[in-house]
Amino acid sequence: MRLLAKRDLGSSVTVDDGRTRVLISIGPLRFTATRGEAIQLAAAIVAAVDALAAEPQGLA
């Protein structure tokens, strides 16, 4: 993963202590999402990965 041309950023996804939000961390950035928002984001990521797989020179 990259952010501002920085390579190899760590990322994680967890659930908050109150079990009401998904916590998404990418490098120094932190995001929270509702269940629905997290599902929409996951679906968009899967669609993008599928599109890469369909390309002859898919990115790694």
PDB file of N, CA and C in Angstrom:
ATOM      1  N   MET A   1       0.835  -1.163   0.000  1.00  0.00           N
ATOM      2  CA  MET A   1       0.000   0.000   0.000  1.00  0.00           C
ATOM      3  C   MET A   1       0.886   1.234   0.000  1.00  0.00           C
ATOM      4  N   ARG A   2       0.425   2.312  -0.644  1.00  0.00           N
ATOM      5  CA  ARG A   2       1.192   3.561  -0.705  1.00  0.00           C
ATOM      6  C   ARG A   2       0.338   4.738  -0.271  1.00  0.00           C
ATOM      7  N   LEU A   3       0.967   5.707   0.322  1.00  0.00           N
ATOM      8  CA  LEU A   3       0.352   6.982   0.655  1.00  0.00           C
ATOM      9  C   LEU A   3       1.383   8.058   0.390  1.00  0.00           C
ATOM     10  N   LEU A   4       1.048   9.010  -0.458  1.00  0.00           N
ATOM     11  CA  LEU A   4       1.974  10.098  -0.775  1.00  0.00           C
ATOM     12  C   LEU A   4       3.354   9.572  -1.173  1.00  0.00           C
ATOM     13  N   ALA A   5       3.354   8.590  -2.043  1.00  0.00           N
ATOM     14  CA  ALA A   5       4.567   7.978  -2.578  1.00  0.00           C
ATOM     15  C   ALA A   5       5.399   7.244  -1.529  1.00  0.00           C
ATOM     16  N   LYS A   6       4.836   6.949  -0.385  1.00  0.00           N
ATOM     17  CA  LYS A   6       5.540   6.149   0.618  1.00  0.00           C
ATOM     18  C   LYS A   6       5.097   4.700   0.467  1.00  0.00           C
ATOM     19  N   ARG A   7       6.066   3.818   0.375  1.00  0.00           N
ATOM     20  CA  ARG A   7       5.784   2.399   0.172  1.00  0.00           C
ATOM     21  C   ARG A   7       5.670   1.636   1.490  1.00  0.00           C
ATOM     22  N   ASP A   8       5.088   0.466   1.355  1.00  0.00           N
ATOM     23  CA  ASP A   8       5.048  -0.514   2.445  1.00  0.00           C
ATOM     24  C   ASP A   8       4.437   0.023   3.739  1.00  0.00           C
ATOM     25  N   LEU A   9       3.330   0.713   3.609  1.00  0.00           N
ATOM     26  CA  LEU A   9       2.630   1.181   4.800  1.00  0.00           C
ATOM     27  C   LEU A   9       1.868   0.020   5.423  1.00  0.00           C
ATOM     28  N   GLY A  10       1.889  -0.037   6.715  1.00  0.00           N
ATOM     29  CA  GLY A  10       1.102  -1.040   7.401  1.00  0.00           C
ATOM     30  C   GLY A  10      -0.371  -0.656   7.382  1.00  0.00           C
ATOM     31  N   SER A  11      -1.212  -1.648   7.458  1.00  0.00           N
ATOM     32  CA  SER A  11      -2.646  -1.385   7.528  1.00  0.00           C
ATOM     33  C   SER A  11      -3.298  -2.429   8.422  1.00  0.00           C
ATOM     34  N   SER A  12      -4.427  -2.043   9.010  1.00  0.00           N
ATOM     35  CA  SER A  12      -5.171  -2.986   9.837  1.00  0.00           C
ATOM     36  C   SER A  12      -6.634  -2.584   9.855  1.00  0.00           C
ATOM     37  N   VAL A  13      -7.467  -3.560  10.154  1.00  0.00           N
ATOM     38  CA  VAL A  13      -8.904  -3.327  10.292  1.00  0.00           C
ATOM     39  C   VAL A  13      -9.355  -4.066  11.541  1.00  0.00           C
ATOM     40  N   THR A  14      -9.999  -3.337  12.453  1.00  0.00           N
ATOM     41  CA  THR A  14     -10.493  -3.928  13.694  1.00  0.00           C
ATOM     42  C   THR A  14     -11.881  -3.359  13.985  1.00  0.00           C
ATOM     43  N   VAL A  15     -12.442  -3.770  15.101  1.00  0.00           N
ATOM     44  CA  VAL A  15     -13.739  -3.271  15.557  1.00  0.00           C
ATOM     45  C   VAL A  15     -13.513  -2.475  16.836  1.00  0.00           C
ATOM     46  N   ASP A  16     -14.220  -1.349  16.988  1.00  0.00           N
ATOM     47  CA  ASP A  16     -14.044  -0.548  18.197  1.00  0.00           C
ATOM     48  C   ASP A  16     -14.575  -1.282  19.417  1.00  0.00           C
ATOM     49  N   ASP A  17     -14.202  -0.805  20.585  1.00  0.00           N
ATOM     50  CA  ASP A  17     -14.584  -1.474  21.835  1.00  0.00           C
ATOM     51  C   ASP A  17     -16.092  -1.547  22.027  1.00  0.00           C
ATOM     52  N   GLY A  18     -16.802  -0.546  21.536  1.00  0.00           N
ATOM     53  CA  GLY A  18     -18.256  -0.548  21.674  1.00  0.00           C
ATOM     54  C   GLY A  18     -18.965  -1.387  20.640  1.00  0.00           C
ATOM     55  N   ARG A  19     -18.195  -1.983  19.733  1.00  0.00           N
ATOM     56  CA  ARG A  19     -18.737  -2.838  18.673  1.00  0.00           C
ATOM     57  C   ARG A  19     -19.726  -2.097  17.772  1.00  0.00           C
ATOM     58  N   THR A  20     -19.493  -0.796  17.559  1.00  0.00           N
ATOM     59  CA  THR A  20     -20.395  -0.013  16.721  1.00  0.00           C
ATOM     60  C   THR A  20     -19.742   0.485  15.443  1.00  0.00           C
ATOM     61  N   ARG A  21     -18.416   0.462  15.379  1.00  0.00           N
ATOM     62  CA  ARG A  21     -17.698   0.987  14.224  1.00  0.00           C
ATOM     63  C   ARG A  21     -16.541   0.072  13.844  1.00  0.00           C
ATOM     64  N   VAL A  22     -16.214   0.098  12.565  1.00  0.00           N
ATOM     65  CA  VAL A  22     -15.025  -0.578  12.059  1.00  0.00           C
ATOM     66  C   VAL A  22     -13.910   0.456  12.060  1.00  0.00           C
ATOM     67  N   LEU A  23     -12.753   0.097  12.582  1.00  0.00           N
ATOM     68  CA  LEU A  23     -11.599   0.992  12.626  1.00  0.00           C
ATOM     69  C   LEU A  23     -10.611   0.562  11.555  1.00  0.00           C
ATOM     70  N   ILE A  24     -10.266   1.486  10.666  1.00  0.00           N
ATOM     71  CA  ILE A  24      -9.365   1.207   9.558  1.00  0.00           C
ATOM     72  C   ILE A  24      -8.130   2.085   9.727  1.00  0.00           C
ATOM     73  N   SER A  25      -6.964   1.467   9.782  1.00  0.00           N
ATOM     74  CA  SER A  25      -5.700   2.194   9.918  1.00  0.00           C
ATOM     75  C   SER A  25      -4.852   1.920   8.691  1.00  0.00           C
ATOM     76  N   ILE A  26      -4.344   2.994   8.093  1.00  0.00           N
ATOM     77  CA  ILE A  26      -3.435   2.890   6.952  1.00  0.00           C
ATOM     78  C   ILE A  26      -2.301   3.862   7.228  1.00  0.00           C
ATOM     79  N   GLY A  27      -1.122   3.307   7.544  1.00  0.00           N
ATOM     80  CA  GLY A  27      -0.010   4.172   7.912  1.00  0.00           C
ATOM     81  C   GLY A  27      -0.430   5.069   9.069  1.00  0.00           C
ATOM     82  N   PRO A  28      -0.232   6.381   8.936  1.00  0.00           N
ATOM     83  CA  PRO A  28      -0.583   7.300  10.018  1.00  0.00           C
ATOM     84  C   PRO A  28      -2.069   7.689  10.040  1.00  0.00           C
ATOM     85  N   LEU A  29      -2.818   7.263   9.044  1.00  0.00           N
ATOM     86  CA  LEU A  29      -4.228   7.656   8.937  1.00  0.00           C
ATOM     87  C   LEU A  29      -5.135   6.665   9.642  1.00  0.00           C
ATOM     88  N   ARG A  30      -6.182   7.180  10.273  1.00  0.00           N
ATOM     89  CA  ARG A  30      -7.165   6.353  10.967  1.00  0.00           C
ATOM     90  C   ARG A  30      -8.551   6.752  10.477  1.00  0.00           C
ATOM     91  N   PHE A  31      -9.368   5.759  10.149  1.00  0.00           N
ATOM     92  CA  PHE A  31     -10.727   5.991   9.686  1.00  0.00           C
ATOM     93  C   PHE A  31     -11.672   5.155  10.525  1.00  0.00           C
ATOM     94  N   THR A  32     -12.897   5.633  10.690  1.00  0.00           N
ATOM     95  CA  THR A  32     -13.943   4.809  11.284  1.00  0.00           C
ATOM     96  C   THR A  32     -15.064   4.710  10.264  1.00  0.00           C
ATOM     97  N   ALA A  33     -15.771   3.602  10.289  1.00  0.00           N
ATOM     98  CA  ALA A  33     -16.858   3.382   9.349  1.00  0.00           C
ATOM     99  C   ALA A  33     -17.974   2.613  10.032  1.00  0.00           C
ATOM    100  N   THR A  34     -19.193   2.904   9.620  1.00  0.00           N
ATOM    101  CA  THR A  34     -20.314   2.089  10.079  1.00  0.00           C
ATOM    102  C   THR A  34     -20.222   0.737   9.394  1.00  0.00           C
ATOM    103  N   ARG A  35     -21.038  -0.182   9.808  1.00  0.00           N
ATOM    104  CA  ARG A  35     -21.057  -1.508   9.167  1.00  0.00           C
ATOM    105  C   ARG A  35     -21.349  -1.353   7.679  1.00  0.00           C
ATOM    106  N   GLY A  36     -22.330  -0.568   7.331  1.00  0.00           N
ATOM    107  CA  GLY A  36     -22.695  -0.377   5.928  1.00  0.00           C
ATOM    108  C   GLY A  36     -21.589   0.269   5.117  1.00  0.00           C
ATOM    109  N   GLU A  37     -20.937   1.274   5.691  1.00  0.00           N
ATOM    110  CA  GLU A  37     -19.825   1.928   5.001  1.00  0.00           C
ATOM    111  C   GLU A  37     -18.672   0.958   4.771  1.00  0.00           C
ATOM    112  N   ALA A  38     -18.396   0.136   5.771  1.00  0.00           N
ATOM    113  CA  ALA A  38     -17.307  -0.837   5.648  1.00  0.00           C
ATOM    114  C   ALA A  38     -17.625  -1.873   4.570  1.00  0.00           C
ATOM    115  N   ILE A  39     -18.871  -2.290   4.493  1.00  0.00           N
ATOM    116  CA  ILE A  39     -19.276  -3.249   3.455  1.00  0.00           C
ATOM    117  C   ILE A  39     -19.139  -2.622   2.074  1.00  0.00           C
ATOM    118  N   GLN A  40     -19.555  -1.357   1.930  1.00  0.00           N
ATOM    119  CA  GLN A  40     -19.415  -0.666   0.643  1.00  0.00           C
ATOM    120  C   GLN A  40     -17.946  -0.545   0.244  1.00  0.00           C
ATOM    121  N   LEU A  41     -17.091  -0.190   1.197  1.00  0.00           N
ATOM    122  CA  LEU A  41     -15.659  -0.069   0.915  1.00  0.00           C
ATOM    123  C   LEU A  41     -15.072  -1.420   0.519  1.00  0.00           C
ATOM    124  N   ALA A  42     -15.433  -2.462   1.256  1.00  0.00           N
ATOM    125  CA  ALA A  42     -14.928  -3.804   0.937  1.00  0.00           C
ATOM    126  C   ALA A  42     -15.362  -4.232  -0.459  1.00  0.00           C
ATOM    127  N   ALA A  43     -16.605  -3.950  -0.824  1.00  0.00           N
ATOM    128  CA  ALA A  43     -17.100  -4.311  -2.157  1.00  0.00           C
ATOM    129  C   ALA A  43     -16.346  -3.546  -3.244  1.00  0.00           C
ATOM    130  N   ALA A  44     -16.060  -2.267  -2.989  1.00  0.00           N
ATOM    131  CA  ALA A  44     -15.318  -1.465  -3.957  1.00  0.00           C
ATOM    132  C   ALA A  44     -13.886  -1.982  -4.120  1.00  0.00           C
ATOM    133  N   ILE A  45     -13.267  -2.394  -3.020  1.00  0.00           N
ATOM    134  CA  ILE A  45     -11.912  -2.945  -3.083  1.00  0.00           C
ATOM    135  C   ILE A  45     -11.911  -4.255  -3.866  1.00  0.00           C
ATOM    136  N   VAL A  46     -12.875  -5.123  -3.592  1.00  0.00           N
ATOM    137  CA  VAL A  46     -12.962  -6.395  -4.315  1.00  0.00           C
ATOM    138  C   VAL A  46     -13.173  -6.144  -5.807  1.00  0.00           C
ATOM    139  N   ALA A  47     -14.024  -5.196  -6.164  1.00  0.00           N
ATOM    140  CA  ALA A  47     -14.266  -4.886  -7.579  1.00  0.00           C
ATOM    141  C   ALA A  47     -12.992  -4.380  -8.247  1.00  0.00           C
ATOM    142  N   ALA A  48     -12.231  -3.551  -7.553  1.00  0.00           N
ATOM    143  CA  ALA A  48     -10.978  -3.040  -8.117  1.00  0.00           C
ATOM    144  C   ALA A  48      -9.963  -4.164  -8.291  1.00  0.00           C
ATOM    145  N   VAL A  49      -9.865  -5.052  -7.321  1.00  0.00           N
ATOM    146  CA  VAL A  49      -8.939  -6.183  -7.422  1.00  0.00           C
ATOM    147  C   VAL A  49      -9.358  -7.095  -8.570  1.00  0.00           C
ATOM    148  N   ASP A  50     -10.649  -7.335  -8.716  1.00  0.00           N
ATOM    149  CA  ASP A  50     -11.131  -8.146  -9.834  1.00  0.00           C
ATOM    150  C   ASP A  50     -10.801  -7.489 -11.164  1.00  0.00           C
ATOM    151  N   ALA A  51     -10.912  -6.170 -11.249  1.00  0.00           N
ATOM    152  CA  ALA A  51     -10.575  -5.451 -12.477  1.00  0.00           C
ATOM    153  C   ALA A  51      -9.088  -5.589 -12.778  1.00  0.00           C
ATOM    154  N   LEU A  52      -8.248  -5.537 -11.747  1.00  0.00           N
ATOM    155  CA  LEU A  52      -6.804  -5.745 -11.959  1.00  0.00           C
ATOM    156  C   LEU A  52      -6.532  -7.142 -12.496  1.00  0.00           C
ATOM    157  N   ALA A  53      -7.208  -8.118 -11.941  1.00  0.00           N
ATOM    158  CA  ALA A  53      -6.996  -9.504 -12.362  1.00  0.00           C
ATOM    159  C   ALA A  53      -7.388  -9.688 -13.818  1.00  0.00           C
ATOM    160  N   ALA A  54      -8.337  -8.890 -14.305  1.00  0.00           N
ATOM    161  CA  ALA A  54      -8.785  -8.989 -15.693  1.00  0.00           C
ATOM    162  C   ALA A  54      -7.803  -8.324 -16.655  1.00  0.00           C
ATOM    163  N   GLU A  55      -6.933  -7.448 -16.145  1.00  0.00           N
ATOM    164  CA  GLU A  55      -5.950  -6.758 -16.970  1.00  0.00           C
ATOM    165  C   GLU A  55      -4.778  -7.682 -17.255  1.00  0.00           C
ATOM    166  N   PRO A  56      -4.234  -7.653 -18.473  1.00  0.00           N
ATOM    167  CA  PRO A  56      -3.098  -8.519 -18.780  1.00  0.00           C
ATOM    168  C   PRO A  56      -1.859  -8.215 -17.937  1.00  0.00           C
ATOM    169  N   GLN A  57      -1.655  -6.974 -17.541  1.00  0.00           N
ATOM    170  CA  GLN A  57      -0.475  -6.623 -16.737  1.00  0.00           C
ATOM    171  C   GLN A  57      -0.916  -6.159 -15.355  1.00  0.00           C
ATOM    172  N   GLY A  58      -1.783  -6.922 -14.679  1.00  0.00           N
ATOM    173  CA  GLY A  58      -2.284  -6.541 -13.359  1.00  0.00           C
ATOM    174  C   GLY A  58      -1.183  -6.142 -12.408  1.00  0.00           C
ATOM    175  N   LEU A  59      -1.445  -5.130 -11.605  1.00  0.00           N
ATOM    176  CA  LEU A  59      -0.446  -4.641 -10.643  1.00  0.00           C
ATOM    177  C   LEU A  59      -0.361  -5.583  -9.461  1.00  0.00           C
ATOM    178  N   ALA A  60       0.789  -5.684  -8.879  1.00  0.00           N
ATOM    179  CA  ALA A  60       0.988  -6.540  -7.701  1.00  0.00           C
ATOM    180  C   ALA A  60       0.905  -5.717  -6.450  1.00  0.00           C
TER     181      ALA A  60
END
